Structure formats: structure tokens, C-alpha cells
Amino acid sequence: YPRPRVSVISLGDELVDIDRTPGQGQVYDVNSYAL
């Protein structure tokens, strides 16, 4: 029985990926990596 496939989505206009520098009011996308 194969491993179930799980897709993880982070929703939010305030999010930036960790390879970018957050601007005013922006935060790193933590959830997609942690989940």
C-alpha cells in the first residue's frame, strides 16, 4: 500500500518564501515547510 499523497498549501497575500526578504507587513511562509 503506497504512502498517501498529501498536498500542502499556504494561503495568504502577506507570505513570502524563505529565499526572499520580507517587506513591510510581510512574513515568511512557515506553514508549508512545517506541515
Full PDB file with SEQRES, HELIX, SHEET, SSBOND, CRYST1, ORIGX, SCALE, CONECT and MASTER records, all heavy atoms in Angstrom:
SEQRES   1 A   35  TYR PRO ARG PRO ARG VAL SER VAL ILE SER LEU GLY ASP          
SEQRES   2 A   35  GLU LEU VAL ASP ILE ASP ARG THR PRO GLY GLN GLY GLN          
SEQRES   3 A   35  VAL TYR ASP VAL ASN SER TYR ALA LEU                          
HELIX    1 AA1 ASN A   31  ALA A   34  1                                   4    
SHEET    1 AA1 2 LEU A  15  VAL A  16  0                                        
SHEET    2 AA1 2 VAL A  27  TYR A  28  1                                        
CRYST1    1.000    1.000    1.000  90.00  90.00  90.00 P 1           1          
ORIGX1      1.000000  0.000000  0.000000        0.00000                         
ORIGX2      0.000000  1.000000  0.000000        0.00000                         
ORIGX3      0.000000  0.000000  1.000000        0.00000                         
SCALE1      1.000000  0.000000  0.000000        0.00000                         
SCALE2      0.000000  1.000000  0.000000        0.00000                         
SCALE3      0.000000  0.000000  1.000000        0.00000                         
ATOM      1  N   TYR A   1       0.870  -1.173   0.000  1.00  0.00           N  
ATOM      2  CA  TYR A   1       0.000   0.000   0.000  1.00  0.00           C  
ATOM      3  C   TYR A   1       0.911   1.228   0.000  1.00  0.00           C  
ATOM      4  O   TYR A   1       1.699   1.417   0.924  1.00  0.00           O  
ATOM      5  CB  TYR A   1      -0.906   0.013   1.225  1.00  0.00           C  
ATOM      6  CG  TYR A   1      -1.881  -1.137   1.251  1.00  0.00           C  
ATOM      7  CD1 TYR A   1      -1.724  -2.194   2.141  1.00  0.00           C  
ATOM      8  CD2 TYR A   1      -2.955  -1.166   0.373  1.00  0.00           C  
ATOM      9  CE1 TYR A   1      -2.617  -3.252   2.164  1.00  0.00           C  
ATOM     10  CE2 TYR A   1      -3.855  -2.234   0.380  1.00  0.00           C  
ATOM     11  CZ  TYR A   1      -3.678  -3.266   1.285  1.00  0.00           C  
ATOM     12  OH  TYR A   1      -4.566  -4.305   1.288  1.00  0.00           O  
ATOM     13  N   PRO A   2       0.829   2.081  -1.027  1.00  0.00           N  
ATOM     14  CA  PRO A   2       1.754   3.224  -1.092  1.00  0.00           C  
ATOM     15  C   PRO A   2       1.431   4.282  -0.043  1.00  0.00           C  
ATOM     16  O   PRO A   2       0.350   4.291   0.551  1.00  0.00           O  
ATOM     17  CB  PRO A   2       1.521   3.773  -2.505  1.00  0.00           C  
ATOM     18  CG  PRO A   2       0.112   3.393  -2.820  1.00  0.00           C  
ATOM     19  CD  PRO A   2      -0.104   2.045  -2.164  1.00  0.00           C  
ATOM     20  N   ARG A   3       2.370   5.156   0.167  1.00  0.00           N  
ATOM     21  CA  ARG A   3       2.148   6.270   1.082  1.00  0.00           C  
ATOM     22  C   ARG A   3       1.071   7.187   0.506  1.00  0.00           C  
ATOM     23  O   ARG A   3       1.100   7.493  -0.696  1.00  0.00           O  
ATOM     24  CB  ARG A   3       3.434   7.076   1.267  1.00  0.00           C  
ATOM     25  CG  ARG A   3       4.602   6.254   1.760  1.00  0.00           C  
ATOM     26  CD  ARG A   3       5.848   7.115   1.913  1.00  0.00           C  
ATOM     27  NE  ARG A   3       7.023   6.277   2.127  1.00  0.00           N  
ATOM     28  CZ  ARG A   3       7.361   5.757   3.294  1.00  0.00           C  
ATOM     29  NH1 ARG A   3       6.598   5.983   4.347  1.00  0.00           N  
ATOM     30  NH2 ARG A   3       8.436   5.007   3.421  1.00  0.00           N  
ATOM     31  N   PRO A   4       0.120   7.633   1.323  1.00  0.00           N  
ATOM     32  CA  PRO A   4      -0.868   8.584   0.812  1.00  0.00           C  
ATOM     33  C   PRO A   4      -0.183   9.881   0.401  1.00  0.00           C  
ATOM     34  O   PRO A   4       0.740  10.355   1.068  1.00  0.00           O  
ATOM     35  CB  PRO A   4      -1.819   8.797   1.998  1.00  0.00           C  
ATOM     36  CG  PRO A   4      -1.048   8.377   3.191  1.00  0.00           C  
ATOM     37  CD  PRO A   4      -0.103   7.313   2.744  1.00  0.00           C  
ATOM     38  N   ARG A   5      -0.644  10.459  -0.694  1.00  0.00           N  
ATOM     39  CA  ARG A   5      -0.078  11.717  -1.185  1.00  0.00           C  
ATOM     40  C   ARG A   5      -0.806  12.884  -0.520  1.00  0.00           C  
ATOM     41  O   ARG A   5      -2.031  12.970  -0.585  1.00  0.00           O  
ATOM     42  CB  ARG A   5      -0.204  11.793  -2.698  1.00  0.00           C  
ATOM     43  CG  ARG A   5       0.569  10.712  -3.451  1.00  0.00           C  
ATOM     44  CD  ARG A   5       0.175  10.657  -4.907  1.00  0.00           C  
ATOM     45  NE  ARG A   5      -1.249  10.306  -5.046  1.00  0.00           N  
ATOM     46  CZ  ARG A   5      -1.905  10.275  -6.211  1.00  0.00           C  
ATOM     47  NH1 ARG A   5      -1.264  10.585  -7.328  1.00  0.00           N  
ATOM     48  NH2 ARG A   5      -3.169   9.947  -6.243  1.00  0.00           N  
ATOM     49  N   VAL A   6      -0.034  13.760   0.086  1.00  0.00           N  
ATOM     50  CA  VAL A   6      -0.589  14.913   0.800  1.00  0.00           C  
ATOM     51  C   VAL A   6      -0.042  16.186   0.166  1.00  0.00           C  
ATOM     52  O   VAL A   6       1.174  16.369   0.086  1.00  0.00           O  
ATOM     53  CB  VAL A   6      -0.235  14.875   2.299  1.00  0.00           C  
ATOM     54  CG1 VAL A   6      -0.751  16.129   3.000  1.00  0.00           C  
ATOM     55  CG2 VAL A   6      -0.808  13.625   2.952  1.00  0.00           C  
ATOM     56  N   SER A   7      -0.942  17.059  -0.281  1.00  0.00           N  
ATOM     57  CA  SER A   7      -0.548  18.364  -0.821  1.00  0.00           C  
ATOM     58  C   SER A   7      -0.728  19.417   0.261  1.00  0.00           C  
ATOM     59  O   SER A   7      -1.767  19.471   0.920  1.00  0.00           O  
ATOM     60  CB  SER A   7      -1.395  18.723  -2.042  1.00  0.00           C  
ATOM     61  OG  SER A   7      -1.078  17.904  -3.140  1.00  0.00           O  
ATOM     62  N   VAL A   8       0.298  20.256   0.459  1.00  0.00           N  
ATOM     63  CA  VAL A   8       0.274  21.288   1.493  1.00  0.00           C  
ATOM     64  C   VAL A   8       0.347  22.662   0.831  1.00  0.00           C  
ATOM     65  O   VAL A   8       1.276  22.951   0.066  1.00  0.00           O  
ATOM     66  CB  VAL A   8       1.445  21.119   2.479  1.00  0.00           C  
ATOM     67  CG1 VAL A   8       1.432  22.240   3.516  1.00  0.00           C  
ATOM     68  CG2 VAL A   8       1.366  19.756   3.167  1.00  0.00           C  
ATOM     69  N   ILE A   9      -0.646  23.501   1.138  1.00  0.00           N  
ATOM     70  CA  ILE A   9      -0.762  24.840   0.558  1.00  0.00           C  
ATOM     71  C   ILE A   9      -0.755  25.869   1.682  1.00  0.00           C  
ATOM     72  O   ILE A   9      -1.447  25.699   2.687  1.00  0.00           O  
ATOM     73  CB  ILE A   9      -2.074  24.968  -0.247  1.00  0.00           C  
ATOM     74  CG1 ILE A   9      -2.102  23.959  -1.409  1.00  0.00           C  
ATOM     75  CG2 ILE A   9      -2.273  26.395  -0.750  1.00  0.00           C  
ATOM     76  CD1 ILE A   9      -3.465  23.842  -2.074  1.00  0.00           C  
ATOM     77  N   SER A  10       0.026  26.932   1.513  1.00  0.00           N  
ATOM     78  CA  SER A  10      -0.016  28.075   2.429  1.00  0.00           C  
ATOM     79  C   SER A  10      -0.793  29.197   1.761  1.00  0.00           C  
ATOM     80  O   SER A  10      -0.444  29.630   0.659  1.00  0.00           O  
ATOM     81  CB  SER A  10       1.396  28.567   2.767  1.00  0.00           C  
ATOM     82  OG  SER A  10       1.953  27.857   3.840  1.00  0.00           O  
ATOM     83  N   LEU A  11      -1.813  29.680   2.429  1.00  0.00           N  
ATOM     84  CA  LEU A  11      -2.692  30.689   1.859  1.00  0.00           C  
ATOM     85  C   LEU A  11      -2.432  32.031   2.535  1.00  0.00           C  
ATOM     86  O   LEU A  11      -2.456  32.137   3.765  1.00  0.00           O  
ATOM     87  CB  LEU A  11      -4.154  30.266   2.059  1.00  0.00           C  
ATOM     88  CG  LEU A  11      -5.236  31.154   1.471  1.00  0.00           C  
ATOM     89  CD1 LEU A  11      -5.110  31.217  -0.046  1.00  0.00           C  
ATOM     90  CD2 LEU A  11      -6.622  30.641   1.865  1.00  0.00           C  
ATOM     91  N   GLY A  12      -2.177  33.079   1.742  1.00  0.00           N  
ATOM     92  CA  GLY A  12      -2.010  34.403   2.340  1.00  0.00           C  
ATOM     93  C   GLY A  12      -1.215  35.345   1.461  1.00  0.00           C  
ATOM     94  O   GLY A  12      -0.149  34.982   0.953  1.00  0.00           O  
ATOM     95  N   ASP A  13      -1.734  36.554   1.280  1.00  0.00           N  
ATOM     96  CA  ASP A  13      -1.034  37.560   0.472  1.00  0.00           C  
ATOM     97  C   ASP A  13       0.147  38.165   1.219  1.00  0.00           C  
ATOM     98  O   ASP A  13       0.990  38.840   0.616  1.00  0.00           O  
ATOM     99  CB  ASP A  13      -2.017  38.665   0.070  1.00  0.00           C  
ATOM    100  CG  ASP A  13      -3.120  38.144  -0.841  1.00  0.00           C  
ATOM    101  OD1 ASP A  13      -2.836  37.225  -1.638  1.00  0.00           O  
ATOM    102  OD2 ASP A  13      -4.257  38.648  -0.746  1.00  0.00           O  
ATOM    103  N   GLU A  14       0.218  37.947   2.535  1.00  0.00           N  
ATOM    104  CA  GLU A  14       1.304  38.516   3.332  1.00  0.00           C  
ATOM    105  C   GLU A  14       2.534  37.617   3.361  1.00  0.00           C  
ATOM    106  O   GLU A  14       3.566  37.981   3.942  1.00  0.00           O  
ATOM    107  CB  GLU A  14       0.824  38.763   4.773  1.00  0.00           C  
ATOM    108  CG  GLU A  14       0.728  37.518   5.650  1.00  0.00           C  
ATOM    109  CD  GLU A  14      -0.503  36.646   5.394  1.00  0.00           C  
ATOM    110  OE1 GLU A  14      -1.195  36.889   4.385  1.00  0.00           O  
ATOM    111  OE2 GLU A  14      -0.749  35.724   6.194  1.00  0.00           O  
ATOM    112  N   LEU A  15       2.462  36.454   2.726  1.00  0.00           N  
ATOM    113  CA  LEU A  15       3.536  35.466   2.828  1.00  0.00           C  
ATOM    114  C   LEU A  15       4.584  35.643   1.743  1.00  0.00           C  
ATOM    115  O   LEU A  15       4.267  35.976   0.588  1.00  0.00           O  
ATOM    116  CB  LEU A  15       2.955  34.057   2.743  1.00  0.00           C  
ATOM    117  CG  LEU A  15       1.892  33.686   3.780  1.00  0.00           C  
ATOM    118  CD1 LEU A  15       1.360  32.285   3.510  1.00  0.00           C  
ATOM    119  CD2 LEU A  15       2.449  33.792   5.196  1.00  0.00           C  
ATOM    120  N   VAL A  16       5.842  35.407   2.115  1.00  0.00           N  
ATOM    121  CA  VAL A  16       6.930  35.322   1.145  1.00  0.00           C  
ATOM    122  C   VAL A  16       7.728  34.064   1.443  1.00  0.00           C  
ATOM    123  O   VAL A  16       7.775  33.596   2.584  1.00  0.00           O  
ATOM    124  CB  VAL A  16       7.857  36.565   1.198  1.00  0.00           C  
ATOM    125  CG1 VAL A  16       7.114  37.820   0.798  1.00  0.00           C  
ATOM    126  CG2 VAL A  16       8.486  36.723   2.576  1.00  0.00           C  
ATOM    127  N   ASP A  17       8.350  33.520   0.399  1.00  0.00           N  
ATOM    128  CA  ASP A  17       9.153  32.318   0.602  1.00  0.00           C  
ATOM    129  C   ASP A  17      10.454  32.677   1.316  1.00  0.00           C  
ATOM    130  O   ASP A  17      10.874  33.845   1.347  1.00  0.00           O  
ATOM    131  CB  ASP A  17       9.445  31.638  -0.740  1.00  0.00           C  
ATOM    132  CG  ASP A  17       9.567  30.129  -0.602  1.00  0.00           C  
ATOM    133  OD1 ASP A  17       9.783  29.656   0.537  1.00  0.00           O  
ATOM    134  OD2 ASP A  17       9.449  29.428  -1.618  1.00  0.00           O  
ATOM    135  N   ILE A  18      11.095  31.672   1.876  1.00  0.00           N  
ATOM    136  CA  ILE A  18      12.239  31.915   2.753  1.00  0.00           C  
ATOM    137  C   ILE A  18      13.489  32.365   2.002  1.00  0.00           C  
ATOM    138  O   ILE A  18      14.459  32.785   2.635  1.00  0.00           O  
ATOM    139  CB  ILE A  18      12.564  30.658   3.589  1.00  0.00           C  
ATOM    140  CG1 ILE A  18      12.813  29.443   2.682  1.00  0.00           C  
ATOM    141  CG2 ILE A  18      11.443  30.368   4.566  1.00  0.00           C  
ATOM    142  CD1 ILE A  18      13.210  28.199   3.444  1.00  0.00           C  
ATOM    143  N   ASP A  19      13.484  32.312   0.672  1.00  0.00           N  
ATOM    144  CA  ASP A  19      14.645  32.795  -0.078  1.00  0.00           C  
ATOM    145  C   ASP A  19      14.516  34.273  -0.441  1.00  0.00           C  
ATOM    146  O   ASP A  19      15.357  34.817  -1.165  1.00  0.00           O  
ATOM    147  CB  ASP A  19      14.877  31.950  -1.329  1.00  0.00           C  
ATOM    148  CG  ASP A  19      13.684  31.940  -2.269  1.00  0.00           C  
ATOM    149  OD1 ASP A  19      12.631  32.530  -1.913  1.00  0.00           O  
ATOM    150  OD2 ASP A  19      13.792  31.344  -3.355  1.00  0.00           O  
ATOM    151  N   ARG A  20      13.455  34.931   0.068  1.00  0.00           N  
ATOM    152  CA  ARG A  20      13.253  36.357  -0.168  1.00  0.00           C  
ATOM    153  C   ARG A  20      13.241  37.107   1.161  1.00  0.00           C  
ATOM    154  O   ARG A  20      13.001  36.526   2.211  1.00  0.00           O  
ATOM    155  CB  ARG A  20      11.935  36.608  -0.907  1.00  0.00           C  
ATOM    156  CG  ARG A  20      11.882  36.021  -2.312  1.00  0.00           C  
ATOM    157  CD  ARG A  20      10.522  36.283  -2.936  1.00  0.00           C  
ATOM    158  NE  ARG A  20      10.188  37.712  -2.898  1.00  0.00           N  
ATOM    159  CZ  ARG A  20       8.968  38.195  -3.139  1.00  0.00           C  
ATOM    160  NH1 ARG A  20       7.968  37.354  -3.393  1.00  0.00           N  
ATOM    161  NH2 ARG A  20       8.750  39.497  -3.099  1.00  0.00           N  
ATOM    162  N   THR A  21      13.480  38.405   1.092  1.00  0.00           N  
ATOM    163  CA  THR A  21      13.443  39.237   2.293  1.00  0.00           C  
ATOM    164  C   THR A  21      12.048  39.816   2.458  1.00  0.00           C  
ATOM    165  O   THR A  21      11.541  40.461   1.531  1.00  0.00           O  
ATOM    166  CB  THR A  21      14.465  40.377   2.201  1.00  0.00           C  
ATOM    167  OG1 THR A  21      15.765  39.814   2.033  1.00  0.00           O  
ATOM    168  CG2 THR A  21      14.425  41.241   3.463  1.00  0.00           C  
ATOM    169  N   PRO A  22      11.411  39.594   3.605  1.00  0.00           N  
ATOM    170  CA  PRO A  22      10.057  40.129   3.789  1.00  0.00           C  
ATOM    171  C   PRO A  22      10.056  41.660   3.750  1.00  0.00           C  
ATOM    172  O   PRO A  22      10.940  42.320   4.288  1.00  0.00           O  
ATOM    173  CB  PRO A  22       9.665  39.627   5.185  1.00  0.00           C  
ATOM    174  CG  PRO A  22      10.577  38.486   5.470  1.00  0.00           C  
ATOM    175  CD  PRO A  22      11.852  38.816   4.761  1.00  0.00           C  
ATOM    176  N   GLY A  23       9.027  42.221   3.080  1.00  0.00           N  
ATOM    177  CA  GLY A  23       8.836  43.660   3.079  1.00  0.00           C  
ATOM    178  C   GLY A  23       7.962  44.074   4.239  1.00  0.00           C  
ATOM    179  O   GLY A  23       7.637  43.267   5.128  1.00  0.00           O  
ATOM    180  N   GLN A  24       7.548  45.324   4.226  1.00  0.00           N  
ATOM    181  CA  GLN A  24       6.687  45.839   5.276  1.00  0.00           C  
ATOM    182  C   GLN A  24       5.388  45.043   5.321  1.00  0.00           C  
ATOM    183  O   GLN A  24       4.697  44.910   4.314  1.00  0.00           O  
ATOM    184  CB  GLN A  24       6.377  47.319   5.024  1.00  0.00           C  
ATOM    185  CG  GLN A  24       5.532  47.972   6.090  1.00  0.00           C  
ATOM    186  CD  GLN A  24       6.260  48.082   7.421  1.00  0.00           C  
ATOM    187  OE1 GLN A  24       7.482  48.210   7.455  1.00  0.00           O  
ATOM    188  NE2 GLN A  24       5.523  48.027   8.516  1.00  0.00           N  
ATOM    189  N   GLY A  25       5.063  44.481   6.500  1.00  0.00           N  
ATOM    190  CA  GLY A  25       3.816  43.740   6.659  1.00  0.00           C  
ATOM    191  C   GLY A  25       3.859  42.317   6.140  1.00  0.00           C  
ATOM    192  O   GLY A  25       2.842  41.617   6.163  1.00  0.00           O  
ATOM    193  N   GLN A  26       5.022  41.865   5.674  1.00  0.00           N  
ATOM    194  CA  GLN A  26       5.143  40.501   5.136  1.00  0.00           C  
ATOM    195  C   GLN A  26       5.845  39.596   6.149  1.00  0.00           C  
ATOM    196  O   GLN A  26       6.634  40.058   6.981  1.00  0.00           O  
ATOM    197  CB  GLN A  26       5.912  40.499   3.816  1.00  0.00           C  
ATOM    198  CG  GLN A  26       5.186  41.185   2.673  1.00  0.00           C  
ATOM    199  CD  GLN A  26       5.968  41.080   1.383  1.00  0.00           C  
ATOM    200  OE1 GLN A  26       7.187  41.276   1.346  1.00  0.00           O  
ATOM    201  NE2 GLN A  26       5.263  40.774   0.292  1.00  0.00           N  
ATOM    202  N   VAL A  27       5.571  38.296   6.046  1.00  0.00           N  
ATOM    203  CA  VAL A  27       6.210  37.300   6.918  1.00  0.00           C  
ATOM    204  C   VAL A  27       6.606  36.095   6.073  1.00  0.00           C  
ATOM    205  O   VAL A  27       6.059  35.861   4.992  1.00  0.00           O  
ATOM    206  CB  VAL A  27       5.272  36.847   8.060  1.00  0.00           C  
ATOM    207  CG1 VAL A  27       4.962  37.998   8.996  1.00  0.00           C  
ATOM    208  CG2 VAL A  27       3.979  36.245   7.502  1.00  0.00           C  
ATOM    209  N   TYR A  28       7.554  35.348   6.605  1.00  0.00           N  
ATOM    210  CA  TYR A  28       7.967  34.142   5.905  1.00  0.00           C  
ATOM    211  C   TYR A  28       6.847  33.092   5.923  1.00  0.00           C  
ATOM    212  O   TYR A  28       6.068  33.000   6.879  1.00  0.00           O  
ATOM    213  CB  TYR A  28       9.204  33.528   6.572  1.00  0.00           C  
ATOM    214  CG  TYR A  28      10.496  34.263   6.288  1.00  0.00           C  
ATOM    215  CD1 TYR A  28      11.296  34.723   7.330  1.00  0.00           C  
ATOM    216  CD2 TYR A  28      10.923  34.465   4.981  1.00  0.00           C  
ATOM    217  CE1 TYR A  28      12.491  35.377   7.079  1.00  0.00           C  
ATOM    218  CE2 TYR A  28      12.118  35.121   4.718  1.00  0.00           C  
ATOM    219  CZ  TYR A  28      12.893  35.575   5.767  1.00  0.00           C  
ATOM    220  OH  TYR A  28      14.066  36.225   5.506  1.00  0.00           O  
ATOM    221  N   ASP A  29       6.810  32.303   4.859  1.00  0.00           N  
ATOM    222  CA  ASP A  29       5.899  31.146   4.823  1.00  0.00           C  
ATOM    223  C   ASP A  29       6.487  30.044   5.690  1.00  0.00           C  
ATOM    224  O   ASP A  29       7.418  29.352   5.297  1.00  0.00           O  
ATOM    225  CB  ASP A  29       5.729  30.663   3.380  1.00  0.00           C  
ATOM    226  CG  ASP A  29       5.054  29.300   3.296  1.00  0.00           C  
ATOM    227  OD1 ASP A  29       4.269  28.979   4.214  1.00  0.00           O  
ATOM    228  OD2 ASP A  29       5.317  28.567   2.324  1.00  0.00           O  
ATOM    229  N   VAL A  30       5.950  29.898   6.864  1.00  0.00           N  
ATOM    230  CA  VAL A  30       6.386  28.858   7.789  1.00  0.00           C  
ATOM    231  C   VAL A  30       5.568  27.585   7.599  1.00  0.00           C  
ATOM    232  O   VAL A  30       6.088  26.463   7.634  1.00  0.00           O  
ATOM    233  CB  VAL A  30       6.269  29.349   9.253  1.00  0.00           C  
ATOM    234  CG1 VAL A  30       6.544  28.215  10.236  1.00  0.00           C  
ATOM    235  CG2 VAL A  30       7.203  30.518   9.496  1.00  0.00           C  
ATOM    236  N   ASN A  31       4.268  27.759   7.376  1.00  0.00           N  
ATOM    237  CA  ASN A  31       3.351  26.616   7.434  1.00  0.00           C  
ATOM    238  C   ASN A  31       3.624  25.535   6.397  1.00  0.00           C  
ATOM    239  O   ASN A  31       3.575  24.344   6.716  1.00  0.00           O  
ATOM    240  CB  ASN A  31       1.909  27.102   7.297  1.00  0.00           C  
ATOM    241  CG  ASN A  31       1.367  27.672   8.583  1.00  0.00           C  
ATOM    242  OD1 ASN A  31       1.705  27.199   9.668  1.00  0.00           O  
ATOM    243  ND2 ASN A  31       0.534  28.695   8.489  1.00  0.00           N  
ATOM    244  N   SER A  32       3.905  25.938   5.148  1.00  0.00           N  
ATOM    245  CA  SER A  32       4.066  24.892   4.132  1.00  0.00           C  
ATOM    246  C   SER A  32       5.278  24.018   4.431  1.00  0.00           C  
ATOM    247  O   SER A  32       5.270  22.809   4.175  1.00  0.00           O  
ATOM    248  CB  SER A  32       4.154  25.492   2.728  1.00  0.00           C  
ATOM    249  OG  SER A  32       5.390  26.146   2.516  1.00  0.00           O  
ATOM    250  N   TYR A  33       6.336  24.619   5.011  1.00  0.00           N  
ATOM    251  CA  TYR A  33       7.524  23.838   5.357  1.00  0.00           C  
ATOM    252  C   TYR A  33       7.265  22.963   6.587  1.00  0.00           C  
ATOM    253  O   TYR A  33       7.600  21.768   6.600  1.00  0.00           O  
ATOM    254  CB  TYR A  33       8.714  24.764   5.607  1.00  0.00           C  
ATOM    255  CG  TYR A  33       9.256  25.403   4.359  1.00  0.00           C  
ATOM    256  CD1 TYR A  33       8.838  26.671   3.978  1.00  0.00           C  
ATOM    257  CD2 TYR A  33      10.155  24.729   3.539  1.00  0.00           C  
ATOM    258  CE1 TYR A  33       9.324  27.265   2.816  1.00  0.00           C  
ATOM    259  CE2 TYR A  33      10.650  25.301   2.381  1.00  0.00           C  
ATOM    260  CZ  TYR A  33      10.228  26.571   2.019  1.00  0.00           C  
ATOM    261  OH  TYR A  33      10.704  27.147   0.864  1.00  0.00           O  
ATOM    262  N   ALA A  34       6.673  23.569   7.622  1.00  0.00           N  
ATOM    263  CA  ALA A  34       6.446  22.823   8.865  1.00  0.00           C  
ATOM    264  C   ALA A  34       5.444  21.698   8.661  1.00  0.00           C  
ATOM    265  O   ALA A  34       5.639  20.568   9.130  1.00  0.00           O  
ATOM    266  CB  ALA A  34       5.956  23.775   9.957  1.00  0.00           C  
ATOM    267  N   LEU A  35       4.353  21.976   7.951  1.00  0.00           N  
ATOM    268  CA  LEU A  35       3.320  20.957   7.759  1.00  0.00           C  
ATOM    269  C   LEU A  35       3.785  19.866   6.800  1.00  0.00           C  
ATOM    270  O   LEU A  35       3.401  18.698   6.951  1.00  0.00           O  
ATOM    271  CB  LEU A  35       2.031  21.607   7.255  1.00  0.00           C  
ATOM    272  CG  LEU A  35       1.390  22.596   8.234  1.00  0.00           C  
ATOM    273  CD1 LEU A  35       0.198  23.292   7.576  1.00  0.00           C  
ATOM    274  CD2 LEU A  35       0.952  21.893   9.515  1.00  0.00           C  
TER     275      LEU A  35                                                      
MASTER        0    0    0    1    2    0    0    6  274    1    0    3          
END                                                                             
